[in-house]
Amino acid sequence: MSTWKQKRFWKQVSVAESQGRFAIELDGRRVKTPAKVDLLLPTRAMAEAIAVEWEAQVDAVNPHTMPCTRSANAALDKVQMQHSEVADMLAEYGDSDLLCYRADSPVELVQRQSEQWDPALDWAASELNVRLQTRRGIQHQPQDVEALQSLRDRVQALSDFQLAAFHDLVGMSGSLILGFAAAAGWRSPAEIWTLSRLDESWQEEQWGPDEEAQAEAEIKRQAFLHAKRFYDFC
């Protein structure tokens, strides 16, 4: 396996406006994506955040310390090429949304799910004009076709950069509704992440924490928080 890493070759990082978009320049040379597309960004705030990441590189370039750069690369190299397919894939979460599948027992868990998840469904009914129905148990029961189409249209309307962030908001939480709620700022991203972990938190209370599971959950939490930050940059 190759251990080669790109070395820092530049002295100055700058942001340059170009046709209503913003480019990152290293000593006057534009940064490109891995697919060799110019890294042209929709907002100055996003460009400045990415410029900070490039400036922070010392000797070898470490992509793991450049989350905004990675998300922008994904928007241009992946989402832009298959926007409709990605949007449809995420919209499918609405038909099996985490918030809609409720426990039969114990009563304490049933009550907690209702108290913490119902407000998110109420928010969706008010702000998205879609009311998803809850079910008991894990057996799939389809949601209303018109409601799902309305949600699909909203996902399809997102820009490539928004969709790149929305992908992680939905995928990490397991909920299309929580993805929309996070994007809209219904509650803080940390609060919304906690809502998505309600069942796991319950299990930890009953059986005790699992260190490996907690470490994996923390990685996902950080990715979720980053996705919200990147979405706001859009």
Protein backbone atom coordinates (compact mmCIF):
# COMPACT_ATOMS: atom_id res chain seq x y z
CA MET A 1 0.00 0.00 0.00
CA SER A 2 1.36 3.40 -0.96
CA THR A 3 2.30 5.78 1.84
CA TRP A 4 2.74 8.79 -0.47
CA LYS A 5 1.09 11.97 0.72
CA GLN A 6 0.80 15.32 -1.00
CA LYS A 7 3.17 17.83 0.53
CA ARG A 8 2.29 21.44 1.20
CA PHE A 9 3.75 23.39 -1.71
CA TRP A 10 1.99 26.74 -1.31
CA LYS A 11 2.68 29.78 0.81
CA GLN A 12 -0.57 31.71 0.48
CA VAL A 13 -4.23 30.64 0.45
CA SER A 14 -6.79 33.09 -0.91
CA VAL A 15 -10.43 33.29 -1.96
CA ALA A 16 -11.25 34.68 -5.41
CA GLU A 17 -14.70 35.50 -6.78
CA SER A 18 -15.43 34.08 -10.23
CA GLN A 19 -18.74 34.48 -12.08
CA GLY A 20 -20.78 34.62 -8.90
CA ARG A 21 -18.92 31.69 -7.36
CA PHE A 22 -15.87 31.56 -5.12
CA ALA A 23 -12.63 29.73 -5.82
CA ILE A 24 -9.79 28.71 -3.51
CA GLU A 25 -6.36 29.67 -4.80
CA LEU A 26 -2.99 28.41 -3.61
CA ASP A 27 -0.35 30.96 -4.63
CA GLY A 28 -2.76 32.04 -7.36
CA ARG A 29 -3.49 28.51 -8.63
CA ARG A 30 -7.06 27.27 -8.34
CA VAL A 31 -7.81 24.24 -6.21
CA LYS A 32 -9.52 21.43 -8.11
CA THR A 33 -11.56 18.47 -6.94
CA PRO A 34 -10.19 14.91 -7.19
CA ALA A 35 -12.05 14.66 -10.52
CA LYS A 36 -10.12 17.75 -11.73
CA VAL A 37 -13.12 20.08 -11.61
CA ASP A 38 -12.54 23.66 -10.45
CA LEU A 39 -13.59 23.93 -6.80
CA LEU A 40 -16.15 26.70 -7.33
CA LEU A 41 -18.27 27.33 -4.27
CA PRO A 42 -21.70 28.96 -3.88
CA THR A 43 -20.92 31.32 -0.98
CA ARG A 44 -17.99 33.25 0.40
CA ALA A 45 -18.63 31.79 3.87
CA MET A 46 -18.11 28.28 2.52
CA ALA A 47 -15.02 29.35 0.60
CA GLU A 48 -13.51 31.01 3.65
CA ALA A 49 -14.11 27.90 5.77
CA ILE A 50 -12.38 25.78 3.14
CA ALA A 51 -9.53 28.27 2.86
CA VAL A 52 -8.97 27.92 6.61
CA GLU A 53 -8.67 24.14 6.17
CA TRP A 54 -6.03 24.53 3.45
CA GLU A 55 -4.13 27.11 5.47
CA ALA A 56 -4.06 24.74 8.45
CA GLN A 57 -2.16 22.05 6.53
CA VAL A 58 1.45 21.97 7.66
CA ASP A 59 3.67 19.35 6.03
CA ALA A 60 1.57 16.64 4.38
CA VAL A 61 -2.01 17.34 3.34
CA ASN A 62 -4.42 15.41 5.58
CA PRO A 63 -7.94 15.16 4.06
CA HIS A 64 -9.32 13.92 7.39
CA THR A 65 -8.79 17.42 8.81
CA MET A 66 -10.61 19.06 5.88
CA PRO A 67 -14.31 18.16 6.23
CA CYS A 68 -15.65 21.17 4.32
CA THR A 69 -13.29 20.47 1.43
CA ARG A 70 -14.42 16.85 1.34
CA SER A 71 -18.10 17.84 1.34
CA ALA A 72 -17.57 20.35 -1.46
CA ASN A 73 -15.69 17.73 -3.47
CA ALA A 74 -18.60 15.33 -2.98
CA ALA A 75 -21.09 17.97 -4.16
CA LEU A 76 -19.18 18.59 -7.39
CA ASP A 77 -17.76 15.16 -8.19
CA LYS A 78 -20.65 12.96 -7.05
CA VAL A 79 -23.94 14.74 -6.31
CA GLN A 80 -23.75 17.03 -9.35
CA MET A 81 -23.38 13.98 -11.59
CA GLN A 82 -26.39 12.12 -10.13
CA HIS A 83 -28.50 14.69 -8.32
CA SER A 84 -31.86 13.09 -9.08
CA GLU A 85 -30.74 9.62 -8.02
CA VAL A 86 -29.28 10.85 -4.73
CA ALA A 87 -32.40 12.90 -3.98
CA ASP A 88 -34.69 9.95 -4.69
CA MET A 89 -32.61 7.70 -2.45
CA LEU A 90 -32.87 10.14 0.46
CA ALA A 91 -36.58 10.74 -0.14
CA GLU A 92 -37.18 7.02 0.35
CA TYR A 93 -36.39 7.47 4.04
CA GLY A 94 -39.78 9.15 4.38
CA ASP A 95 -41.62 5.89 3.81
CA SER A 96 -39.82 4.20 6.70
CA ASP A 97 -38.91 7.19 8.83
CA LEU A 98 -37.33 6.48 12.20
CA LEU A 99 -39.84 8.74 13.95
CA CYS A 100 -42.82 6.73 12.73
CA TYR A 101 -41.95 3.29 14.08
CA ARG A 102 -42.79 3.07 17.76
CA ALA A 103 -42.24 0.46 20.43
CA ASP A 104 -45.12 -1.65 21.76
CA SER A 105 -43.52 -1.78 25.22
CA PRO A 106 -42.32 -1.02 27.84
CA VAL A 107 -44.63 1.83 28.62
CA GLU A 108 -41.74 4.10 29.64
CA LEU A 109 -40.14 3.79 26.18
CA VAL A 110 -43.50 4.24 24.45
CA GLN A 111 -44.06 7.45 26.42
CA ARG A 112 -40.55 8.75 25.76
CA GLN A 113 -40.87 8.20 22.02
CA SER A 114 -44.19 10.00 21.99
CA GLU A 115 -42.96 12.94 24.06
CA GLN A 116 -39.74 13.44 22.11
CA TRP A 117 -40.64 12.42 18.56
CA ASP A 118 -44.20 13.71 18.20
CA PRO A 119 -43.06 17.38 18.25
CA ALA A 120 -40.85 16.72 15.22
CA LEU A 121 -43.77 15.19 13.31
CA ASP A 122 -45.93 18.14 14.39
CA TRP A 123 -43.27 20.51 13.06
CA ALA A 124 -43.28 18.68 9.73
CA ALA A 125 -47.05 18.94 9.53
CA SER A 126 -46.87 22.69 10.16
CA GLU A 127 -43.75 23.65 8.19
CA LEU A 128 -43.60 20.99 5.45
CA ASN A 129 -47.36 20.48 5.18
CA VAL A 130 -46.86 16.72 5.53
CA ARG A 131 -48.23 14.53 8.29
CA LEU A 132 -46.53 11.15 8.51
CA GLN A 133 -48.38 8.47 10.44
CA THR A 134 -46.89 6.48 13.32
CA ARG A 135 -46.97 2.67 13.59
CA ARG A 136 -46.49 0.18 16.40
CA GLY A 137 -43.78 -2.39 15.84
CA ILE A 138 -41.24 -2.71 13.04
CA GLN A 139 -43.36 -4.10 10.21
CA HIS A 140 -43.34 -1.70 7.27
CA GLN A 141 -46.57 0.12 6.49
CA PRO A 142 -46.49 2.57 3.55
CA GLN A 143 -47.12 6.26 4.08
CA ASP A 144 -49.53 8.33 2.03
CA VAL A 145 -48.31 8.58 -1.58
CA GLU A 146 -49.04 12.31 -1.89
CA ALA A 147 -47.18 13.06 1.34
CA LEU A 148 -44.15 11.14 0.11
CA GLN A 149 -44.22 12.91 -3.24
CA SER A 150 -44.32 16.28 -1.51
CA LEU A 151 -41.24 15.35 0.50
CA ARG A 152 -39.52 14.02 -2.62
CA ASP A 153 -40.13 17.32 -4.43
CA ARG A 154 -38.53 19.20 -1.55
CA VAL A 155 -35.44 17.00 -1.63
CA GLN A 156 -35.15 17.30 -5.40
CA ALA A 157 -35.27 21.10 -5.09
CA LEU A 158 -32.08 21.22 -2.99
CA SER A 159 -28.91 22.45 -4.66
CA ASP A 160 -25.98 20.08 -5.21
CA PHE A 161 -24.16 21.53 -2.21
CA GLN A 162 -27.25 21.40 0.01
CA LEU A 163 -27.92 17.83 -1.06
CA ALA A 164 -24.37 16.76 -0.21
CA ALA A 165 -24.94 17.98 3.36
CA PHE A 166 -28.53 16.73 3.51
CA HIS A 167 -27.27 13.26 2.58
CA ASP A 168 -25.47 13.04 5.93
CA LEU A 169 -28.20 14.76 7.94
CA VAL A 170 -30.65 12.08 6.81
CA GLY A 171 -28.29 9.13 6.63
CA MET A 172 -26.74 9.69 10.05
CA SER A 173 -30.07 10.30 11.80
CA GLY A 174 -32.07 7.68 9.91
CA SER A 175 -34.89 10.17 9.48
CA LEU A 176 -35.95 12.34 6.56
CA ILE A 177 -38.01 14.50 8.92
CA LEU A 178 -35.07 15.07 11.28
CA GLY A 179 -32.93 15.88 8.25
CA PHE A 180 -35.35 18.61 7.20
CA ALA A 181 -35.70 19.79 10.80
CA ALA A 182 -31.93 20.11 11.19
CA ALA A 183 -31.57 21.92 7.87
CA ALA A 184 -34.32 24.38 8.84
CA GLY A 185 -32.91 25.01 12.31
CA TRP A 186 -35.95 23.69 14.16
CA ARG A 187 -33.71 22.88 17.11
CA SER A 188 -29.96 22.79 17.59
CA PRO A 189 -28.17 20.04 15.63
CA ALA A 190 -26.99 18.51 18.92
CA GLU A 191 -30.59 18.26 20.17
CA ILE A 192 -31.77 16.72 16.91
CA TRP A 193 -28.93 14.21 16.98
CA THR A 194 -29.98 13.21 20.50
CA LEU A 195 -33.54 12.65 19.26
CA SER A 196 -32.24 10.30 16.58
CA ARG A 197 -30.43 8.28 19.27
CA LEU A 198 -33.44 7.85 21.56
CA ASP A 199 -33.66 4.07 21.16
CA GLU A 200 -29.92 3.59 21.60
CA SER A 201 -29.92 5.77 24.70
CA TRP A 202 -32.75 3.70 26.13
CA GLN A 203 -30.81 0.49 25.56
CA GLU A 204 -27.74 1.98 27.26
CA GLU A 205 -29.86 2.87 30.28
CA GLN A 206 -31.09 -0.72 30.52
CA TRP A 207 -27.89 -2.64 29.79
CA GLY A 208 -25.06 -0.18 30.27
CA PRO A 209 -22.88 1.55 27.67
CA ASP A 210 -20.80 -0.27 25.05
CA GLU A 211 -17.50 1.53 24.47
CA GLU A 212 -17.16 0.45 20.85
CA ALA A 213 -20.72 1.48 20.04
CA GLN A 214 -20.21 4.80 21.79
CA ALA A 215 -17.04 5.49 19.81
CA GLU A 216 -18.85 4.75 16.54
CA ALA A 217 -21.78 6.93 17.58
CA GLU A 218 -19.44 9.83 18.34
CA ILE A 219 -17.95 9.62 14.84
CA LYS A 220 -21.46 9.80 13.40
CA ARG A 221 -22.42 12.66 15.72
CA GLN A 222 -19.46 14.71 14.54
CA ALA A 223 -20.38 13.99 10.91
CA PHE A 224 -23.96 15.08 11.60
CA LEU A 225 -22.85 18.33 13.22
CA HIS A 226 -20.48 19.02 10.33
CA ALA A 227 -23.27 18.35 7.81
CA LYS A 228 -25.46 20.99 9.46
CA ARG A 229 -22.56 23.48 9.44
CA PHE A 230 -21.88 22.79 5.77
CA TYR A 231 -25.58 23.08 4.90
CA ASP A 232 -25.67 26.50 6.55
CA PHE A 233 -22.70 27.60 4.44
CA CYS A 234 -24.83 26.94 1.34
